Amino acid sequence: MNVINNYDNFFLPTENLEEAKEFYNITLGLDIKFDFADKGMTAFKIGNNEPAIIVSAVENAKPAIWFTVDDVQKAFQTLKSKGVTFLSEPFDIMTGLAVEFTDPSGNRLGLTDYSKS
């Protein structure tokens, strides 16, 4: 059973959100997909793809790749039964549920669904 459907977003930490916004928007020429500067995040479109690069000034932000799943709770249980160690229980985000874990090399990965869409 394949749990993961597709890429969701690519998260990159920044210490200076305004500087990062200028780099991705002005220097690289990427359009802003959404700007939640009040929450410490801005997303940039990559062509016509749904996944975005999200720069985050949130405290303790780490680089991460998130994937979409049909149901975060089910995917969480399935992967947990296969030995995946999660960083938390599933949590609410604006569009649904999400949860993060690391691969054996310590890379941060996440799952999200769009259950609030």
C-alpha atoms as a PDB file:
ATOM      1  CA  MET A   1       0.000   0.000   0.000  1.00  0.00           C
ATOM      2  CA  ASN A   2       1.432   3.352  -1.032  1.00  0.00           C
ATOM      3  CA  VAL A   3       0.706   5.924   1.678  1.00  0.00           C
ATOM      4  CA  ILE A   4       2.162   8.995  -0.078  1.00  0.00           C
ATOM      5  CA  ASN A   5       0.275  10.610  -2.980  1.00  0.00           C
ATOM      6  CA  ASN A   6       2.468  13.515  -4.075  1.00  0.00           C
ATOM      7  CA  TYR A   7       4.798  16.290  -2.973  1.00  0.00           C
ATOM      8  CA  ASP A   8       3.172  19.018  -0.928  1.00  0.00           C
ATOM      9  CA  ASN A   9       5.744  21.676  -0.040  1.00  0.00           C
ATOM     10  CA  PHE A  10       9.442  22.212   0.524  1.00  0.00           C
ATOM     11  CA  PHE A  11      10.252  24.098   3.737  1.00  0.00           C
ATOM     12  CA  LEU A  12      13.439  26.114   4.141  1.00  0.00           C
ATOM     13  CA  PRO A  13      14.315  27.956   7.353  1.00  0.00           C
ATOM     14  CA  THR A  14      15.417  31.583   7.384  1.00  0.00           C
ATOM     15  CA  GLU A  15      16.524  33.972  10.080  1.00  0.00           C
ATOM     16  CA  ASN A  16      15.378  36.975   8.027  1.00  0.00           C
ATOM     17  CA  LEU A  17      12.026  36.555   6.287  1.00  0.00           C
ATOM     18  CA  GLU A  18      12.185  39.902   4.450  1.00  0.00           C
ATOM     19  CA  GLU A  19      15.635  39.090   3.047  1.00  0.00           C
ATOM     20  CA  ALA A  20      14.461  35.622   1.991  1.00  0.00           C
ATOM     21  CA  LYS A  21      11.332  37.072   0.356  1.00  0.00           C
ATOM     22  CA  GLU A  22      13.457  39.506  -1.638  1.00  0.00           C
ATOM     23  CA  PHE A  23      15.819  36.720  -2.753  1.00  0.00           C
ATOM     24  CA  TYR A  24      13.101  34.290  -3.896  1.00  0.00           C
ATOM     25  CA  ASN A  25      10.763  36.931  -5.334  1.00  0.00           C
ATOM     26  CA  ILE A  26      13.088  39.582  -6.794  1.00  0.00           C
ATOM     27  CA  THR A  27      16.379  37.760  -7.402  1.00  0.00           C
ATOM     28  CA  LEU A  28      14.967  34.378  -8.511  1.00  0.00           C
ATOM     29  CA  GLY A  29      11.782  35.852  -9.978  1.00  0.00           C
ATOM     30  CA  LEU A  30       9.381  33.461  -8.222  1.00  0.00           C
ATOM     31  CA  ASP A  31       5.819  34.629  -7.663  1.00  0.00           C
ATOM     32  CA  ILE A  32       4.448  34.625  -4.141  1.00  0.00           C
ATOM     33  CA  LYS A  33       1.852  31.898  -3.629  1.00  0.00           C
ATOM     34  CA  PHE A  34       0.879  33.099  -0.161  1.00  0.00           C
ATOM     35  CA  ASP A  35       2.399  35.393   2.415  1.00  0.00           C
ATOM     36  CA  PHE A  36       1.739  34.640   6.076  1.00  0.00           C
ATOM     37  CA  ALA A  37       4.495  36.938   7.321  1.00  0.00           C
ATOM     38  CA  ASP A  38       2.510  37.382  10.545  1.00  0.00           C
ATOM     39  CA  LYS A  39       2.992  33.625  11.087  1.00  0.00           C
ATOM     40  CA  GLY A  40       6.612  33.701   9.878  1.00  0.00           C
ATOM     41  CA  MET A  41       6.069  32.028   6.472  1.00  0.00           C
ATOM     42  CA  THR A  42       5.971  32.960   2.807  1.00  0.00           C
ATOM     43  CA  ALA A  43       5.427  30.500  -0.048  1.00  0.00           C
ATOM     44  CA  PHE A  44       6.701  30.810  -3.606  1.00  0.00           C
ATOM     45  CA  LYS A  45       5.243  29.216  -6.736  1.00  0.00           C
ATOM     46  CA  ILE A  46       7.405  27.005  -8.924  1.00  0.00           C
ATOM     47  CA  GLY A  47       5.910  27.113 -12.414  1.00  0.00           C
ATOM     48  CA  ASN A  48       2.403  25.645 -12.492  1.00  0.00           C
ATOM     49  CA  ASN A  49       3.150  23.082  -9.786  1.00  0.00           C
ATOM     50  CA  GLU A  50       0.994  22.893  -6.669  1.00  0.00           C
ATOM     51  CA  PRO A  51       3.986  22.279  -4.325  1.00  0.00           C
ATOM     52  CA  ALA A  52       5.770  25.443  -3.259  1.00  0.00           C
ATOM     53  CA  ILE A  53       8.971  26.520  -1.559  1.00  0.00           C
ATOM     54  CA  ILE A  54       8.010  27.887   1.838  1.00  0.00           C
ATOM     55  CA  VAL A  55      10.572  29.988   3.661  1.00  0.00           C
ATOM     56  CA  SER A  56       9.971  29.970   7.376  1.00  0.00           C
ATOM     57  CA  ALA A  57      11.253  32.169  10.155  1.00  0.00           C
ATOM     58  CA  VAL A  58       9.399  30.084  12.730  1.00  0.00           C
ATOM     59  CA  GLU A  59      11.557  29.309  15.755  1.00  0.00           C
ATOM     60  CA  ASN A  60      13.478  26.029  15.401  1.00  0.00           C
ATOM     61  CA  ALA A  61      12.408  25.619  11.754  1.00  0.00           C
ATOM     62  CA  LYS A  62      14.260  22.854   9.917  1.00  0.00           C
ATOM     63  CA  PRO A  63      14.468  22.061   6.203  1.00  0.00           C
ATOM     64  CA  ALA A  64      11.666  19.627   5.384  1.00  0.00           C
ATOM     65  CA  ILE A  65       9.804  18.004   2.523  1.00  0.00           C
ATOM     66  CA  TRP A  66       6.111  17.387   3.055  1.00  0.00           C
ATOM     67  CA  PHE A  67       3.979  14.932   1.102  1.00  0.00           C
ATOM     68  CA  THR A  68       0.226  14.710   0.656  1.00  0.00           C
ATOM     69  CA  VAL A  69      -1.739  11.718   1.896  1.00  0.00           C
ATOM     70  CA  ASP A  70      -5.459  10.970   1.869  1.00  0.00           C
ATOM     71  CA  ASP A  71      -5.714  10.791   5.657  1.00  0.00           C
ATOM     72  CA  VAL A  72      -2.924  11.824   8.029  1.00  0.00           C
ATOM     73  CA  GLN A  73      -4.307   9.777  10.930  1.00  0.00           C
ATOM     74  CA  LYS A  74      -4.372   6.560   8.855  1.00  0.00           C
ATOM     75  CA  ALA A  75      -0.932   7.232   7.340  1.00  0.00           C
ATOM     76  CA  PHE A  76       0.419   7.989  10.816  1.00  0.00           C
ATOM     77  CA  GLN A  77      -0.836   4.641  12.145  1.00  0.00           C
ATOM     78  CA  THR A  78       0.377   2.705   9.073  1.00  0.00           C
ATOM     79  CA  LEU A  79       3.891   4.152   9.176  1.00  0.00           C
ATOM     80  CA  LYS A  80       4.094   3.938  12.970  1.00  0.00           C
ATOM     81  CA  SER A  81       3.355   0.200  12.688  1.00  0.00           C
ATOM     82  CA  LYS A  82       6.309  -0.019  10.264  1.00  0.00           C
ATOM     83  CA  GLY A  83       8.675   1.513  12.822  1.00  0.00           C
ATOM     84  CA  VAL A  84       8.629   5.178  11.791  1.00  0.00           C
ATOM     85  CA  THR A  85       9.281   7.444  14.775  1.00  0.00           C
ATOM     86  CA  PHE A  86       7.276  10.639  14.573  1.00  0.00           C
ATOM     87  CA  LEU A  87       8.295  13.978  16.073  1.00  0.00           C
ATOM     88  CA  SER A  88       4.768  14.537  17.417  1.00  0.00           C
ATOM     89  CA  GLU A  89       1.203  13.359  17.157  1.00  0.00           C
ATOM     90  CA  PRO A  90      -0.728  14.673  14.109  1.00  0.00           C
ATOM     91  CA  PHE A  91      -1.557  18.372  14.521  1.00  0.00           C
ATOM     92  CA  ASP A  92      -3.970  20.878  12.982  1.00  0.00           C
ATOM     93  CA  ILE A  93      -2.851  23.253  10.249  1.00  0.00           C
ATOM     94  CA  MET A  94      -4.947  25.689   8.212  1.00  0.00           C
ATOM     95  CA  THR A  95      -5.806  23.134   5.511  1.00  0.00           C
ATOM     96  CA  GLY A  96      -6.086  19.904   7.506  1.00  0.00           C
ATOM     97  CA  LEU A  97      -3.782  17.721   9.581  1.00  0.00           C
ATOM     98  CA  ALA A  98      -0.008  17.297   9.440  1.00  0.00           C
ATOM     99  CA  VAL A  99       2.711  15.295  11.164  1.00  0.00           C
ATOM    100  CA  GLU A 100       6.499  15.190  10.861  1.00  0.00           C
ATOM    101  CA  PHE A 101       9.145  12.493  11.209  1.00  0.00           C
ATOM    102  CA  THR A 102      12.756  11.908  10.223  1.00  0.00           C
ATOM    103  CA  ASP A 103      14.288   9.374   7.893  1.00  0.00           C
ATOM    104  CA  PRO A 104      17.228   7.205   9.052  1.00  0.00           C
ATOM    105  CA  SER A 105      19.652   9.993   8.026  1.00  0.00           C
ATOM    106  CA  GLY A 106      17.874  12.632  10.101  1.00  0.00           C
ATOM    107  CA  ASN A 107      16.174  14.418   7.191  1.00  0.00           C
ATOM    108  CA  ARG A 108      12.833  15.917   8.205  1.00  0.00           C
ATOM    109  CA  LEU A 109       9.762  14.746   6.290  1.00  0.00           C
ATOM    110  CA  GLY A 110       6.101  15.485   6.791  1.00  0.00           C
ATOM    111  CA  LEU A 111       2.657  14.291   5.820  1.00  0.00           C
ATOM    112  CA  THR A 112      -0.389  16.468   5.282  1.00  0.00           C
ATOM    113  CA  ASP A 113      -3.926  16.049   4.140  1.00  0.00           C
ATOM    114  CA  TYR A 114      -6.395  18.638   2.940  1.00  0.00           C
ATOM    115  CA  SER A 115      -9.238  17.506   5.165  1.00  0.00           C
ATOM    116  CA  LYS A 116     -10.323  21.120   5.839  1.00  0.00           C
ATOM    117  CA  SER A 117     -10.525  22.034   2.146  1.00  0.00           C
END
